[in-house]
Amino acid sequence: MAGTVYVVTGSNRGIGLGLVKVLLSRPSSTIIATVRSEEAHKALKEGISGIAIGPGSSLHVVQLDFSVAVSPKTVRDVIVSTGLVAEEGRGIDVLINNAGGPYPMVTALETQAEHMRAAFETNTIAPLLVFQGLWPLMQKSKIRKLIMVSSSLGSIEQMDPSPAGAYGPSRCAQNWLCKALHQENKDAGLIVIAIHPGWVQTRAGQLVADDWGYSPGPPVTVEESVEGILKVTDGATKESSGKFLTWEGKSLAW
């Protein structure tokens, strides 16, 4: 993966920060990381302090808030403004759509319309618009990998018995888009993976544990999840494209 250009969304904490740390430690890796605010940018800078940066690697941070719809053109313009990629030059090799948000893990009967709208905005619409904006830049690369960080709570066939509120449906719709993007763009060389990162020890993961009254909390560390996500990402091929996988590389039912 030497000389790879990555875009990672939602990079200031949790899984996103963990991904940036590992990618930045690799040699010849260029990471364009998105954050939603100046405060988040500061958190990212603090989070990577002390990291041994790999030879020839660099991190570039841009601000994009996906809690509201951001047009594909705006996404592309912001990424191009770094000067690292261009529609007539260097492209993006790997896009990791990690940004997302948890919502109250209540029953479908209790789920509020405002939470449903917000969940779809962040977990479904934003990843699609990001890809739409960056696909022209990804086509400049021979790698062309799209990794959608999703959740097993978006599976219909293996529906978890615990309530998932608006979060489950938003991830389910995101998974549908992954399959559609694979089918529509596989001949153009796009490799798409929807990945369940595990129940991770992050702020979001703990909020879920609190809603479910689960103790001692999420079982998977950020480091374990990130290692698995990147192993799946590095090993993704056209044969594995269009699949729903766990961070351990196991298949999940849609």
C-alpha atoms as a PDB file:
ATOM      1  CA  MET A   1       0.000   0.000   0.000  1.00  0.00           C
ATOM      2  CA  ALA A   2       3.041   2.324  -0.250  1.00  0.00           C
ATOM      3  CA  GLY A   3       2.348   5.660  -1.888  1.00  0.00           C
ATOM      4  CA  THR A   4      -1.378   5.434  -1.126  1.00  0.00           C
ATOM      5  CA  VAL A   5      -3.698   8.435  -0.828  1.00  0.00           C
ATOM      6  CA  TYR A   6      -6.443   7.928   1.748  1.00  0.00           C
ATOM      7  CA  VAL A   7      -9.472  10.014   2.644  1.00  0.00           C
ATOM      8  CA  VAL A   8     -10.854   9.242   6.101  1.00  0.00           C
ATOM      9  CA  THR A   9     -14.021  10.952   7.314  1.00  0.00           C
ATOM     10  CA  GLY A  10     -14.836  11.530  10.988  1.00  0.00           C
ATOM     11  CA  SER A  11     -11.215  11.482  12.113  1.00  0.00           C
ATOM     12  CA  ASN A  12     -11.020  13.338  15.402  1.00  0.00           C
ATOM     13  CA  ARG A  13     -11.845  10.496  17.793  1.00  0.00           C
ATOM     14  CA  GLY A  14     -12.701   6.825  18.147  1.00  0.00           C
ATOM     15  CA  ILE A  15     -12.258   4.591  15.117  1.00  0.00           C
ATOM     16  CA  GLY A  16     -11.479   7.514  12.800  1.00  0.00           C
ATOM     17  CA  LEU A  17      -8.640   8.735  14.982  1.00  0.00           C
ATOM     18  CA  GLY A  18      -7.374   5.178  15.325  1.00  0.00           C
ATOM     19  CA  LEU A  19      -7.338   4.773  11.546  1.00  0.00           C
ATOM     20  CA  VAL A  20      -5.409   8.020  11.078  1.00  0.00           C
ATOM     21  CA  LYS A  21      -2.813   6.979  13.656  1.00  0.00           C
ATOM     22  CA  VAL A  22      -2.086   3.647  11.987  1.00  0.00           C
ATOM     23  CA  LEU A  23      -2.142   4.995   8.430  1.00  0.00           C
ATOM     24  CA  LEU A  24       0.144   7.866   9.398  1.00  0.00           C
ATOM     25  CA  SER A  25       2.659   5.415  10.852  1.00  0.00           C
ATOM     26  CA  ARG A  26       2.895   3.616   7.503  1.00  0.00           C
ATOM     27  CA  PRO A  27       5.495   4.666   4.943  1.00  0.00           C
ATOM     28  CA  SER A  28       4.585   6.827   1.937  1.00  0.00           C
ATOM     29  CA  SER A  29       0.956   7.333   2.946  1.00  0.00           C
ATOM     30  CA  THR A  30      -0.950  10.562   2.388  1.00  0.00           C
ATOM     31  CA  ILE A  31      -3.996  10.929   4.624  1.00  0.00           C
ATOM     32  CA  ILE A  32      -6.674  13.559   4.056  1.00  0.00           C
ATOM     33  CA  ALA A  33      -8.766  13.542   7.220  1.00  0.00           C
ATOM     34  CA  THR A  34     -12.091  15.298   7.678  1.00  0.00           C
ATOM     35  CA  VAL A  35     -13.342  16.839  10.912  1.00  0.00           C
ATOM     36  CA  ARG A  36     -16.561  18.718  11.551  1.00  0.00           C
ATOM     37  CA  SER A  37     -15.233  21.735  13.489  1.00  0.00           C
ATOM     38  CA  GLU A  38     -12.184  23.618  14.718  1.00  0.00           C
ATOM     39  CA  GLU A  39     -12.631  21.935  18.089  1.00  0.00           C
ATOM     40  CA  ALA A  40     -12.546  18.544  16.389  1.00  0.00           C
ATOM     41  CA  HIS A  41      -9.445  19.604  14.445  1.00  0.00           C
ATOM     42  CA  LYS A  42      -7.735  20.442  17.723  1.00  0.00           C
ATOM     43  CA  ALA A  43      -8.742  17.066  19.168  1.00  0.00           C
ATOM     44  CA  LEU A  44      -7.253  15.301  16.143  1.00  0.00           C
ATOM     45  CA  LYS A  45      -3.962  17.167  16.464  1.00  0.00           C
ATOM     46  CA  GLU A  46      -3.781  16.264  20.146  1.00  0.00           C
ATOM     47  CA  GLY A  47      -4.709  12.671  19.369  1.00  0.00           C
ATOM     48  CA  ILE A  48      -1.812  12.118  16.973  1.00  0.00           C
ATOM     49  CA  SER A  49       0.803  13.855  19.102  1.00  0.00           C
ATOM     50  CA  GLY A  50       3.692  11.540  19.743  1.00  0.00           C
ATOM     51  CA  ILE A  51       2.888   9.265  16.791  1.00  0.00           C
ATOM     52  CA  ALA A  52       5.947   8.086  14.871  1.00  0.00           C
ATOM     53  CA  ILE A  53       5.163   9.220  11.321  1.00  0.00           C
ATOM     54  CA  GLY A  54       6.217   6.818   8.601  1.00  0.00           C
ATOM     55  CA  PRO A  55       8.859   7.917   6.070  1.00  0.00           C
ATOM     56  CA  GLY A  56       7.270  10.023   3.354  1.00  0.00           C
ATOM     57  CA  SER A  57       3.859  10.065   5.056  1.00  0.00           C
ATOM     58  CA  SER A  58       1.749  13.135   5.816  1.00  0.00           C
ATOM     59  CA  LEU A  59      -1.587  14.191   7.273  1.00  0.00           C
ATOM     60  CA  HIS A  60      -3.808  16.962   5.926  1.00  0.00           C
ATOM     61  CA  VAL A  61      -6.985  17.999   7.757  1.00  0.00           C
ATOM     62  CA  VAL A  62     -10.075  19.579   6.185  1.00  0.00           C
ATOM     63  CA  GLN A  63     -13.356  20.654   7.723  1.00  0.00           C
ATOM     64  CA  LEU A  64     -16.652  19.106   6.584  1.00  0.00           C
ATOM     65  CA  ASP A  65     -19.737  18.796   8.781  1.00  0.00           C
ATOM     66  CA  PHE A  66     -21.871  15.836   7.704  1.00  0.00           C
ATOM     67  CA  SER A  67     -24.703  16.438  10.172  1.00  0.00           C
ATOM     68  CA  VAL A  68     -26.360  18.324   7.313  1.00  0.00           C
ATOM     69  CA  ALA A  69     -26.252  17.556   3.606  1.00  0.00           C
ATOM     70  CA  VAL A  70     -23.036  18.670   1.910  1.00  0.00           C
ATOM     71  CA  SER A  71     -23.181  18.718  -1.873  1.00  0.00           C
ATOM     72  CA  PRO A  72     -20.848  16.374  -3.786  1.00  0.00           C
ATOM     73  CA  LYS A  73     -19.239  19.389  -5.461  1.00  0.00           C
ATOM     74  CA  THR A  74     -18.499  21.008  -2.100  1.00  0.00           C
ATOM     75  CA  VAL A  75     -16.925  17.784  -0.846  1.00  0.00           C
ATOM     76  CA  ARG A  76     -14.773  17.529  -3.967  1.00  0.00           C
ATOM     77  CA  ASP A  77     -13.770  21.207  -3.856  1.00  0.00           C
ATOM     78  CA  VAL A  78     -12.701  20.959  -0.218  1.00  0.00           C
ATOM     79  CA  ILE A  79     -10.592  17.859  -0.847  1.00  0.00           C
ATOM     80  CA  VAL A  80      -9.047  19.322  -4.022  1.00  0.00           C
ATOM     81  CA  SER A  81      -8.216  22.519  -2.103  1.00  0.00           C
ATOM     82  CA  THR A  82      -5.503  20.576  -0.253  1.00  0.00           C
ATOM     83  CA  GLY A  83      -3.500  20.545  -3.500  1.00  0.00           C
ATOM     84  CA  LEU A  84      -2.845  16.821  -3.032  1.00  0.00           C
ATOM     85  CA  VAL A  85      -5.330  15.475  -5.566  1.00  0.00           C
ATOM     86  CA  ALA A  86      -6.877  16.831  -8.747  1.00  0.00           C
ATOM     87  CA  GLU A  87      -9.308  15.771 -11.439  1.00  0.00           C
ATOM     88  CA  GLU A  88      -6.462  16.106 -13.957  1.00  0.00           C
ATOM     89  CA  GLY A  89      -3.741  14.762 -11.693  1.00  0.00           C
ATOM     90  CA  ARG A  90      -3.189  12.520  -8.653  1.00  0.00           C
ATOM     91  CA  GLY A  91      -6.296  10.670  -7.522  1.00  0.00           C
ATOM     92  CA  ILE A  92      -7.673   9.124  -4.341  1.00  0.00           C
ATOM     93  CA  ASP A  93      -6.841   5.473  -3.775  1.00  0.00           C
ATOM     94  CA  VAL A  94      -8.931   4.616  -0.725  1.00  0.00           C
ATOM     95  CA  LEU A  95     -11.989   6.369   0.697  1.00  0.00           C
ATOM     96  CA  ILE A  96     -12.953   5.260   4.206  1.00  0.00           C
ATOM     97  CA  ASN A  97     -16.392   6.639   5.026  1.00  0.00           C
ATOM     98  CA  ASN A  98     -16.199   6.430   8.804  1.00  0.00           C
ATOM     99  CA  ALA A  99     -18.137   9.507   9.960  1.00  0.00           C
ATOM    100  CA  GLY A 100     -21.435   8.615  11.582  1.00  0.00           C
ATOM    101  CA  GLY A 101     -23.501   9.056  14.669  1.00  0.00           C
ATOM    102  CA  PRO A 102     -25.397   7.009  17.258  1.00  0.00           C
ATOM    103  CA  TYR A 103     -28.975   7.756  18.229  1.00  0.00           C
ATOM    104  CA  PRO A 104     -31.173   6.539  21.105  1.00  0.00           C
ATOM    105  CA  MET A 105     -31.307   2.743  21.006  1.00  0.00           C
ATOM    106  CA  VAL A 106     -35.030   2.492  21.569  1.00  0.00           C
ATOM    107  CA  THR A 107     -37.667   0.282  19.999  1.00  0.00           C
ATOM    108  CA  ALA A 108     -39.122   1.052  16.571  1.00  0.00           C
ATOM    109  CA  LEU A 109     -42.355   1.986  18.315  1.00  0.00           C
ATOM    110  CA  GLU A 110     -40.514   4.616  20.374  1.00  0.00           C
ATOM    111  CA  THR A 111     -38.278   5.980  17.596  1.00  0.00           C
ATOM    112  CA  GLN A 112     -38.852   9.672  16.927  1.00  0.00           C
ATOM    113  CA  ALA A 113     -39.062  11.200  13.466  1.00  0.00           C
ATOM    114  CA  GLU A 114     -36.379  13.771  14.271  1.00  0.00           C
ATOM    115  CA  HIS A 115     -33.936  11.017  15.220  1.00  0.00           C
ATOM    116  CA  MET A 116     -34.758   9.078  12.058  1.00  0.00           C
ATOM    117  CA  ARG A 117     -34.099  12.132   9.883  1.00  0.00           C
ATOM    118  CA  ALA A 118     -30.838  12.933  11.678  1.00  0.00           C
ATOM    119  CA  ALA A 119     -29.600   9.338  11.507  1.00  0.00           C
ATOM    120  CA  PHE A 120     -30.249   9.066   7.768  1.00  0.00           C
ATOM    121  CA  GLU A 121     -28.602  12.449   7.182  1.00  0.00           C
ATOM    122  CA  THR A 122     -25.359  11.390   8.857  1.00  0.00           C
ATOM    123  CA  ASN A 123     -25.197   7.627   8.334  1.00  0.00           C
ATOM    124  CA  THR A 124     -26.803   7.217   4.918  1.00  0.00           C
ATOM    125  CA  ILE A 125     -26.981  10.431   2.903  1.00  0.00           C
ATOM    126  CA  ALA A 126     -23.561  11.839   3.853  1.00  0.00           C
ATOM    127  CA  PRO A 127     -21.545   8.726   2.872  1.00  0.00           C
ATOM    128  CA  LEU A 128     -23.324   8.628  -0.479  1.00  0.00           C
ATOM    129  CA  LEU A 129     -22.706  12.319  -1.211  1.00  0.00           C
ATOM    130  CA  VAL A 130     -19.048  11.995  -0.186  1.00  0.00           C
ATOM    131  CA  PHE A 131     -18.590   9.136  -2.630  1.00  0.00           C
ATOM    132  CA  GLN A 132     -20.454  10.986  -5.386  1.00  0.00           C
ATOM    133  CA  GLY A 133     -18.133  13.952  -4.903  1.00  0.00           C
ATOM    134  CA  LEU A 134     -14.912  11.954  -4.762  1.00  0.00           C
ATOM    135  CA  TRP A 135     -15.593   9.240  -7.348  1.00  0.00           C
ATOM    136  CA  PRO A 136     -14.144  11.376 -10.193  1.00  0.00           C
ATOM    137  CA  LEU A 137     -10.926  11.647  -8.163  1.00  0.00           C
ATOM    138  CA  MET A 138     -10.930   7.940  -7.317  1.00  0.00           C
ATOM    139  CA  GLN A 139     -11.099   7.102 -11.008  1.00  0.00           C
ATOM    140  CA  LYS A 140      -7.621   8.633 -11.367  1.00  0.00           C
ATOM    141  CA  SER A 141      -6.330   5.749  -9.242  1.00  0.00           C
ATOM    142  CA  LYS A 142      -5.908   2.087 -10.129  1.00  0.00           C
ATOM    143  CA  ILE A 143      -6.916   1.015  -6.594  1.00  0.00           C
ATOM    144  CA  ARG A 144     -10.381   2.605  -6.213  1.00  0.00           C
ATOM    145  CA  LYS A 145     -11.481   1.234  -2.850  1.00  0.00           C
ATOM    146  CA  LEU A 146     -14.554   2.454  -0.979  1.00  0.00           C
ATOM    147  CA  ILE A 147     -14.830   1.252   2.616  1.00  0.00           C
ATOM    148  CA  MET A 148     -18.135   2.030   4.294  1.00  0.00           C
ATOM    149  CA  VAL A 149     -17.951   1.716   8.080  1.00  0.00           C
ATOM    150  CA  SER A 150     -21.401   0.377   8.897  1.00  0.00           C
ATOM    151  CA  SER A 151     -22.795  -1.853  11.647  1.00  0.00           C
ATOM    152  CA  SER A 152     -24.224  -5.320  12.146  1.00  0.00           C
ATOM    153  CA  LEU A 153     -27.269  -3.491  13.521  1.00  0.00           C
ATOM    154  CA  GLY A 154     -28.065  -2.676   9.883  1.00  0.00           C
ATOM    155  CA  SER A 155     -28.567  -6.345   9.019  1.00  0.00           C
ATOM    156  CA  ILE A 156     -32.165  -7.416   8.384  1.00  0.00           C
ATOM    157  CA  GLU A 157     -31.549 -11.156   8.173  1.00  0.00           C
ATOM    158  CA  GLN A 158     -29.459 -11.221  11.366  1.00  0.00           C
ATOM    159  CA  MET A 159     -31.406  -8.538  13.206  1.00  0.00           C
ATOM    160  CA  ASP A 160     -30.132  -8.042  16.734  1.00  0.00           C
ATOM    161  CA  PRO A 161     -32.756  -8.667  19.423  1.00  0.00           C
ATOM    162  CA  SER A 162     -31.772  -5.404  21.123  1.00  0.00           C
ATOM    163  CA  PRO A 163     -33.534  -2.240  19.893  1.00  0.00           C
ATOM    164  CA  ALA A 164     -31.583  -0.070  17.444  1.00  0.00           C
ATOM    165  CA  GLY A 165     -33.857   2.957  17.115  1.00  0.00           C
ATOM    166  CA  ALA A 166     -33.088   5.119  14.084  1.00  0.00           C
ATOM    167  CA  TYR A 167     -29.512   3.867  13.931  1.00  0.00           C
ATOM    168  CA  GLY A 168     -30.346   0.392  12.595  1.00  0.00           C
ATOM    169  CA  PRO A 169     -32.479   1.570   9.660  1.00  0.00           C
ATOM    170  CA  SER A 170     -29.912   4.212   8.688  1.00  0.00           C
ATOM    171  CA  ARG A 171     -27.156   1.587   8.557  1.00  0.00           C
ATOM    172  CA  CYS A 172     -29.434  -0.803   6.692  1.00  0.00           C
ATOM    173  CA  ALA A 173     -29.986   1.831   4.001  1.00  0.00           C
ATOM    174  CA  GLN A 174     -26.253   2.527   3.904  1.00  0.00           C
ATOM    175  CA  ASN A 175     -25.627  -1.178   3.331  1.00  0.00           C
ATOM    176  CA  TRP A 176     -28.119  -1.163   0.443  1.00  0.00           C
ATOM    177  CA  LEU A 177     -26.174   1.695  -1.124  1.00  0.00           C
ATOM    178  CA  CYS A 178     -22.931  -0.280  -0.780  1.00  0.00           C
ATOM    179  CA  LYS A 179     -24.414  -3.161  -2.728  1.00  0.00           C
ATOM    180  CA  ALA A 180     -25.856  -0.801  -5.337  1.00  0.00           C
ATOM    181  CA  LEU A 181     -22.591   1.087  -5.777  1.00  0.00           C
ATOM    182  CA  HIS A 182     -20.778  -2.220  -6.242  1.00  0.00           C
ATOM    183  CA  GLN A 183     -23.201  -3.430  -8.910  1.00  0.00           C
ATOM    184  CA  GLU A 184     -23.268  -0.122 -10.757  1.00  0.00           C
ATOM    185  CA  ASN A 185     -19.513   0.565 -10.754  1.00  0.00           C
ATOM    186  CA  LYS A 186     -17.745  -2.801 -10.616  1.00  0.00           C
ATOM    187  CA  ASP A 187     -16.935  -2.633 -14.310  1.00  0.00           C
ATOM    188  CA  ALA A 188     -15.243   0.718 -13.646  1.00  0.00           C
ATOM    189  CA  GLY A 189     -12.937  -0.983 -11.154  1.00  0.00           C
ATOM    190  CA  LEU A 190     -14.612   0.143  -7.917  1.00  0.00           C
ATOM    191  CA  ILE A 191     -14.155  -2.138  -4.905  1.00  0.00           C
ATOM    192  CA  VAL A 192     -16.811  -1.592  -2.226  1.00  0.00           C
ATOM    193  CA  ILE A 193     -16.900  -3.144   1.244  1.00  0.00           C
ATOM    194  CA  ALA A 194     -19.475  -2.504   3.965  1.00  0.00           C
ATOM    195  CA  ILE A 195     -17.752  -3.291   7.252  1.00  0.00           C
ATOM    196  CA  HIS A 196     -18.975  -3.870  10.789  1.00  0.00           C
ATOM    197  CA  PRO A 197     -16.194  -2.496  13.031  1.00  0.00           C
ATOM    198  CA  GLY A 198     -17.291  -4.455  16.083  1.00  0.00           C
ATOM    199  CA  TRP A 199     -18.853  -3.091  19.244  1.00  0.00           C
ATOM    200  CA  VAL A 200     -15.988  -0.750  19.975  1.00  0.00           C
ATOM    201  CA  GLN A 201     -14.853   1.043  23.109  1.00  0.00           C
ATOM    202  CA  THR A 202     -15.650   4.521  21.833  1.00  0.00           C
ATOM    203  CA  ARG A 203     -17.949   7.279  23.038  1.00  0.00           C
ATOM    204  CA  ALA A 204     -20.636   6.050  20.629  1.00  0.00           C
ATOM    205  CA  GLY A 205     -20.117   2.440  21.661  1.00  0.00           C
ATOM    206  CA  GLN A 206     -20.522   3.350  25.316  1.00  0.00           C
ATOM    207  CA  LEU A 207     -23.705   5.317  24.593  1.00  0.00           C
ATOM    208  CA  VAL A 208     -25.164   2.150  23.088  1.00  0.00           C
ATOM    209  CA  ALA A 209     -24.098   0.129  26.128  1.00  0.00           C
ATOM    210  CA  ASP A 210     -25.739   2.702  28.397  1.00  0.00           C
ATOM    211  CA  ASP A 211     -28.996   2.618  26.418  1.00  0.00           C
ATOM    212  CA  TRP A 212     -29.038  -1.167  26.594  1.00  0.00           C
ATOM    213  CA  GLY A 213     -28.017  -1.252  30.234  1.00  0.00           C
ATOM    214  CA  TYR A 214     -25.078  -3.444  29.286  1.00  0.00           C
ATOM    215  CA  SER A 215     -22.132  -3.795  31.640  1.00  0.00           C
ATOM    216  CA  PRO A 216     -19.105  -3.822  31.467  1.00  0.00           C
ATOM    217  CA  GLY A 217     -19.489  -2.067  28.097  1.00  0.00           C
ATOM    218  CA  PRO A 218     -18.216  -2.614  24.537  1.00  0.00           C
ATOM    219  CA  PRO A 219     -15.818  -5.564  24.245  1.00  0.00           C
ATOM    220  CA  VAL A 220     -13.649  -4.493  21.275  1.00  0.00           C
ATOM    221  CA  THR A 221     -10.804  -1.997  21.667  1.00  0.00           C
ATOM    222  CA  VAL A 222     -10.228   0.741  19.108  1.00  0.00           C
ATOM    223  CA  GLU A 223      -6.851  -0.779  18.295  1.00  0.00           C
ATOM    224  CA  GLU A 224      -8.363  -4.214  17.600  1.00  0.00           C
ATOM    225  CA  SER A 225     -11.093  -2.740  15.420  1.00  0.00           C
ATOM    226  CA  VAL A 226      -8.729  -0.551  13.422  1.00  0.00           C
ATOM    227  CA  GLU A 227      -6.296  -3.399  12.845  1.00  0.00           C
ATOM    228  CA  GLY A 228      -9.137  -5.514  11.505  1.00  0.00           C
ATOM    229  CA  ILE A 229     -10.640  -2.769   9.349  1.00  0.00           C
ATOM    230  CA  LEU A 230      -7.306  -2.051   7.700  1.00  0.00           C
ATOM    231  CA  LYS A 231      -6.578  -5.747   7.183  1.00  0.00           C
ATOM    232  CA  VAL A 232      -9.897  -6.050   5.336  1.00  0.00           C
ATOM    233  CA  THR A 233      -9.198  -2.815   3.443  1.00  0.00           C
ATOM    234  CA  ASP A 234      -5.702  -3.819   2.361  1.00  0.00           C
ATOM    235  CA  GLY A 235      -6.918  -7.248   1.261  1.00  0.00           C
ATOM    236  CA  ALA A 236     -10.075  -6.099  -0.526  1.00  0.00           C
ATOM    237  CA  THR A 237     -10.251  -7.247  -4.151  1.00  0.00           C
ATOM    238  CA  LYS A 238     -12.858  -7.313  -6.900  1.00  0.00           C
ATOM    239  CA  GLU A 239     -13.784 -10.802  -5.641  1.00  0.00           C
ATOM    240  CA  SER A 240     -14.636  -9.472  -2.169  1.00  0.00           C
ATOM    241  CA  SER A 241     -16.332  -6.315  -3.466  1.00  0.00           C
ATOM    242  CA  GLY A 242     -20.017  -5.933  -2.721  1.00  0.00           C
ATOM    243  CA  LYS A 243     -19.817  -7.849   0.552  1.00  0.00           C
ATOM    244  CA  PHE A 244     -20.786  -7.043   4.137  1.00  0.00           C
ATOM    245  CA  LEU A 245     -17.876  -8.076   6.356  1.00  0.00           C
ATOM    246  CA  THR A 246     -16.914  -7.834  10.006  1.00  0.00           C
ATOM    247  CA  TRP A 247     -13.667  -6.328  11.249  1.00  0.00           C
ATOM    248  CA  GLU A 248     -12.486  -9.930  11.561  1.00  0.00           C
ATOM    249  CA  GLY A 249     -13.122 -10.538   7.864  1.00  0.00           C
ATOM    250  CA  LYS A 250     -16.203 -12.712   8.402  1.00  0.00           C
ATOM    251  CA  SER A 251     -19.268 -12.385   6.154  1.00  0.00           C
ATOM    252  CA  LEU A 252     -22.489 -10.897   7.484  1.00  0.00           C
ATOM    253  CA  ALA A 253     -25.954 -11.328   6.037  1.00  0.00           C
ATOM    254  CA  TRP A 254     -27.531  -8.217   4.579  1.00  0.00           C
END
